[in-house]
Amino acid sequence: MADYIYTLESRLTPDQMRGVFLIQELSRAAGLNVYLTGGAVRDILTGFSIRDLDFTVQGNPLKLQKEFEKAGAKITAVEDDTRTIFLALPGNARVEVSMATTEKLVPRQDSTVTL
């Protein structure tokens, strides 16, 4: 775990780290588990610059909207159907907070070829 934390801290800008702590704090206060996901994780692991932060919460992130605004975040977009909030945090860190979803695989129906 220490290697992951070191990698996270060494790859994010100070503004991005403040964003991680803010999202984590507000999500936990609302009783929501929160995870760093998406391109930020890929970029941390591959060494590319991290342009934005994607978070997934177990619950509805839309209920955090007022708390984000009180903390100084600017809501740049909200997608009600996917329950996703896009934020610009102080220091210009861009953040997306989405609701965790369950994916279900549907079996493919292959056609049978008779020779």
C-alpha atoms as a PDB file:
ATOM      1  CA  MET A   1       0.000   0.000   0.000  1.00  0.00           C
ATOM      2  CA  ALA A   2       2.833   2.412   0.773  1.00  0.00           C
ATOM      3  CA  ASP A   3       4.103   2.217  -2.820  1.00  0.00           C
ATOM      4  CA  TYR A   4       0.666   3.163  -4.144  1.00  0.00           C
ATOM      5  CA  ILE A   5       0.387   6.153  -1.797  1.00  0.00           C
ATOM      6  CA  TYR A   6       3.910   7.314  -2.698  1.00  0.00           C
ATOM      7  CA  THR A   7       3.125   6.994  -6.409  1.00  0.00           C
ATOM      8  CA  LEU A   8      -0.116   8.916  -5.961  1.00  0.00           C
ATOM      9  CA  GLU A   9       1.515  11.707  -3.961  1.00  0.00           C
ATOM     10  CA  SER A  10       4.502  12.021  -6.287  1.00  0.00           C
ATOM     11  CA  ARG A  11       2.439  12.102  -9.512  1.00  0.00           C
ATOM     12  CA  LEU A  12      -0.362  14.519  -8.585  1.00  0.00           C
ATOM     13  CA  THR A  13       0.052  18.277  -8.461  1.00  0.00           C
ATOM     14  CA  PRO A  14      -0.562  19.957  -5.098  1.00  0.00           C
ATOM     15  CA  ASP A  15      -3.923  21.235  -6.426  1.00  0.00           C
ATOM     16  CA  GLN A  16      -4.892  17.718  -7.519  1.00  0.00           C
ATOM     17  CA  MET A  17      -3.896  16.300  -4.120  1.00  0.00           C
ATOM     18  CA  ARG A  18      -6.082  18.909  -2.407  1.00  0.00           C
ATOM     19  CA  GLY A  19      -8.880  17.818  -4.748  1.00  0.00           C
ATOM     20  CA  VAL A  20      -8.413  14.163  -3.791  1.00  0.00           C
ATOM     21  CA  PHE A  21      -8.572  15.026  -0.093  1.00  0.00           C
ATOM     22  CA  LEU A  22     -11.640  17.254  -0.582  1.00  0.00           C
ATOM     23  CA  ILE A  23     -13.610  14.643  -2.539  1.00  0.00           C
ATOM     24  CA  GLN A  24     -12.591  11.969  -0.060  1.00  0.00           C
ATOM     25  CA  GLU A  25     -13.599  14.089   2.939  1.00  0.00           C
ATOM     26  CA  LEU A  26     -16.993  15.155   1.559  1.00  0.00           C
ATOM     27  CA  SER A  27     -17.837  11.654   0.345  1.00  0.00           C
ATOM     28  CA  ARG A  28     -16.966  10.046   3.643  1.00  0.00           C
ATOM     29  CA  ALA A  29     -18.940  12.675   5.574  1.00  0.00           C
ATOM     30  CA  ALA A  30     -21.981  11.693   3.482  1.00  0.00           C
ATOM     31  CA  GLY A  31     -21.351   7.997   4.191  1.00  0.00           C
ATOM     32  CA  LEU A  32     -20.269   7.194   0.621  1.00  0.00           C
ATOM     33  CA  ASN A  33     -17.303   5.005  -0.294  1.00  0.00           C
ATOM     34  CA  VAL A  34     -15.180   6.783  -2.891  1.00  0.00           C
ATOM     35  CA  TYR A  35     -12.601   5.467  -5.365  1.00  0.00           C
ATOM     36  CA  LEU A  36     -10.127   7.151  -7.703  1.00  0.00           C
ATOM     37  CA  THR A  37     -10.873   5.627 -11.121  1.00  0.00           C
ATOM     38  CA  GLY A  38     -10.510   6.200 -14.836  1.00  0.00           C
ATOM     39  CA  GLY A  39      -7.763   7.970 -16.705  1.00  0.00           C
ATOM     40  CA  ALA A  40      -6.036   9.299 -13.599  1.00  0.00           C
ATOM     41  CA  VAL A  41      -5.252   5.774 -12.430  1.00  0.00           C
ATOM     42  CA  ARG A  42      -4.016   4.819 -15.902  1.00  0.00           C
ATOM     43  CA  ASP A  43      -1.871   7.961 -16.100  1.00  0.00           C
ATOM     44  CA  ILE A  44      -0.400   7.409 -12.623  1.00  0.00           C
ATOM     45  CA  LEU A  45       0.613   3.869 -13.552  1.00  0.00           C
ATOM     46  CA  THR A  46       1.972   4.686 -17.007  1.00  0.00           C
ATOM     47  CA  GLY A  47       3.762   7.917 -16.099  1.00  0.00           C
ATOM     48  CA  PHE A  48       1.692  10.275 -18.261  1.00  0.00           C
ATOM     49  CA  SER A  49       0.568  13.694 -17.003  1.00  0.00           C
ATOM     50  CA  ILE A  50      -2.646  13.588 -15.075  1.00  0.00           C
ATOM     51  CA  ARG A  51      -5.105  15.992 -16.661  1.00  0.00           C
ATOM     52  CA  ASP A  52      -8.169  15.360 -14.540  1.00  0.00           C
ATOM     53  CA  LEU A  53      -9.430  13.214 -11.691  1.00  0.00           C
ATOM     54  CA  ASP A  54     -12.255  10.713 -11.982  1.00  0.00           C
ATOM     55  CA  PHE A  55     -13.974   9.403  -8.875  1.00  0.00           C
ATOM     56  CA  THR A  56     -16.646   6.781  -8.428  1.00  0.00           C
ATOM     57  CA  VAL A  57     -18.843   6.750  -5.332  1.00  0.00           C
ATOM     58  CA  GLN A  58     -21.094   4.000  -4.052  1.00  0.00           C
ATOM     59  CA  GLY A  59     -24.260   6.059  -3.877  1.00  0.00           C
ATOM     60  CA  ASN A  60     -25.658   9.145  -5.534  1.00  0.00           C
ATOM     61  CA  PRO A  61     -23.007  11.866  -5.949  1.00  0.00           C
ATOM     62  CA  LEU A  62     -25.701  14.407  -6.836  1.00  0.00           C
ATOM     63  CA  LYS A  63     -26.529  14.669  -3.144  1.00  0.00           C
ATOM     64  CA  LEU A  64     -23.022  16.113  -2.639  1.00  0.00           C
ATOM     65  CA  GLN A  65     -23.562  19.009  -5.049  1.00  0.00           C
ATOM     66  CA  LYS A  66     -24.271  21.655  -2.396  1.00  0.00           C
ATOM     67  CA  GLU A  67     -21.340  20.462  -0.272  1.00  0.00           C
ATOM     68  CA  PHE A  68     -19.001  20.720  -3.260  1.00  0.00           C
ATOM     69  CA  GLU A  69     -20.159  24.299  -3.871  1.00  0.00           C
ATOM     70  CA  LYS A  70     -19.725  25.221  -0.181  1.00  0.00           C
ATOM     71  CA  ALA A  71     -16.146  23.901  -0.405  1.00  0.00           C
ATOM     72  CA  GLY A  72     -15.377  26.270  -3.299  1.00  0.00           C
ATOM     73  CA  ALA A  73     -15.921  23.927  -6.245  1.00  0.00           C
ATOM     74  CA  LYS A  74     -17.554  25.252  -9.381  1.00  0.00           C
ATOM     75  CA  ILE A  75     -20.117  22.864 -10.854  1.00  0.00           C
ATOM     76  CA  THR A  76     -19.377  22.855 -14.592  1.00  0.00           C
ATOM     77  CA  ALA A  77     -21.961  20.225 -15.597  1.00  0.00           C
ATOM     78  CA  VAL A  78     -24.399  17.718 -14.147  1.00  0.00           C
ATOM     79  CA  GLU A  79     -25.717  14.640 -15.928  1.00  0.00           C
ATOM     80  CA  ASP A  80     -28.828  13.559 -14.050  1.00  0.00           C
ATOM     81  CA  ASP A  81     -29.365  10.348 -16.029  1.00  0.00           C
ATOM     82  CA  THR A  82     -25.884   8.978 -15.259  1.00  0.00           C
ATOM     83  CA  ARG A  83     -25.658  10.755 -11.887  1.00  0.00           C
ATOM     84  CA  THR A  84     -22.365  12.430 -12.734  1.00  0.00           C
ATOM     85  CA  ILE A  85     -21.062  15.802 -11.550  1.00  0.00           C
ATOM     86  CA  PHE A  86     -18.242  17.671 -13.276  1.00  0.00           C
ATOM     87  CA  LEU A  87     -16.311  20.106 -11.073  1.00  0.00           C
ATOM     88  CA  ALA A  88     -13.596  22.714 -11.322  1.00  0.00           C
ATOM     89  CA  LEU A  89     -11.869  22.867  -7.948  1.00  0.00           C
ATOM     90  CA  PRO A  90      -9.844  25.755  -6.568  1.00  0.00           C
ATOM     91  CA  GLY A  91      -6.436  25.711  -8.248  1.00  0.00           C
ATOM     92  CA  ASN A  92      -8.046  24.577 -11.511  1.00  0.00           C
ATOM     93  CA  ALA A  93      -8.173  20.838 -10.788  1.00  0.00           C
ATOM     94  CA  ARG A  94     -10.827  19.214 -13.013  1.00  0.00           C
ATOM     95  CA  VAL A  95     -12.886  16.472 -11.406  1.00  0.00           C
ATOM     96  CA  GLU A  96     -15.641  14.068 -12.427  1.00  0.00           C
ATOM     97  CA  VAL A  97     -17.643  12.280  -9.729  1.00  0.00           C
ATOM     98  CA  SER A  98     -19.872   9.427 -10.921  1.00  0.00           C
ATOM     99  CA  MET A  99     -22.103   6.837  -9.343  1.00  0.00           C
ATOM    100  CA  ALA A 100     -20.905   3.238  -9.306  1.00  0.00           C
ATOM    101  CA  THR A 101     -22.920   1.035 -11.624  1.00  0.00           C
ATOM    102  CA  THR A 102     -23.353  -2.661 -12.089  1.00  0.00           C
ATOM    103  CA  GLU A 103     -22.643  -4.065 -15.497  1.00  0.00           C
ATOM    104  CA  LYS A 104     -24.382  -7.198 -16.659  1.00  0.00           C
ATOM    105  CA  LEU A 105     -23.104  -9.338 -19.491  1.00  0.00           C
ATOM    106  CA  VAL A 106     -25.742 -10.494 -21.914  1.00  0.00           C
ATOM    107  CA  PRO A 107     -24.920 -13.797 -23.590  1.00  0.00           C
ATOM    108  CA  ARG A 108     -24.309 -13.442 -27.275  1.00  0.00           C
ATOM    109  CA  GLN A 109     -26.507 -15.550 -29.480  1.00  0.00           C
ATOM    110  CA  ASP A 110     -24.245 -16.982 -32.149  1.00  0.00           C
ATOM    111  CA  SER A 111     -25.816 -18.299 -35.277  1.00  0.00           C
ATOM    112  CA  THR A 112     -24.956 -21.859 -36.119  1.00  0.00           C
ATOM    113  CA  VAL A 113     -23.692 -22.589 -39.618  1.00  0.00           C
ATOM    114  CA  THR A 114     -24.548 -26.005 -41.012  1.00  0.00           C
ATOM    115  CA  LEU A 115     -22.367 -27.371 -43.792  1.00  0.00           C
END
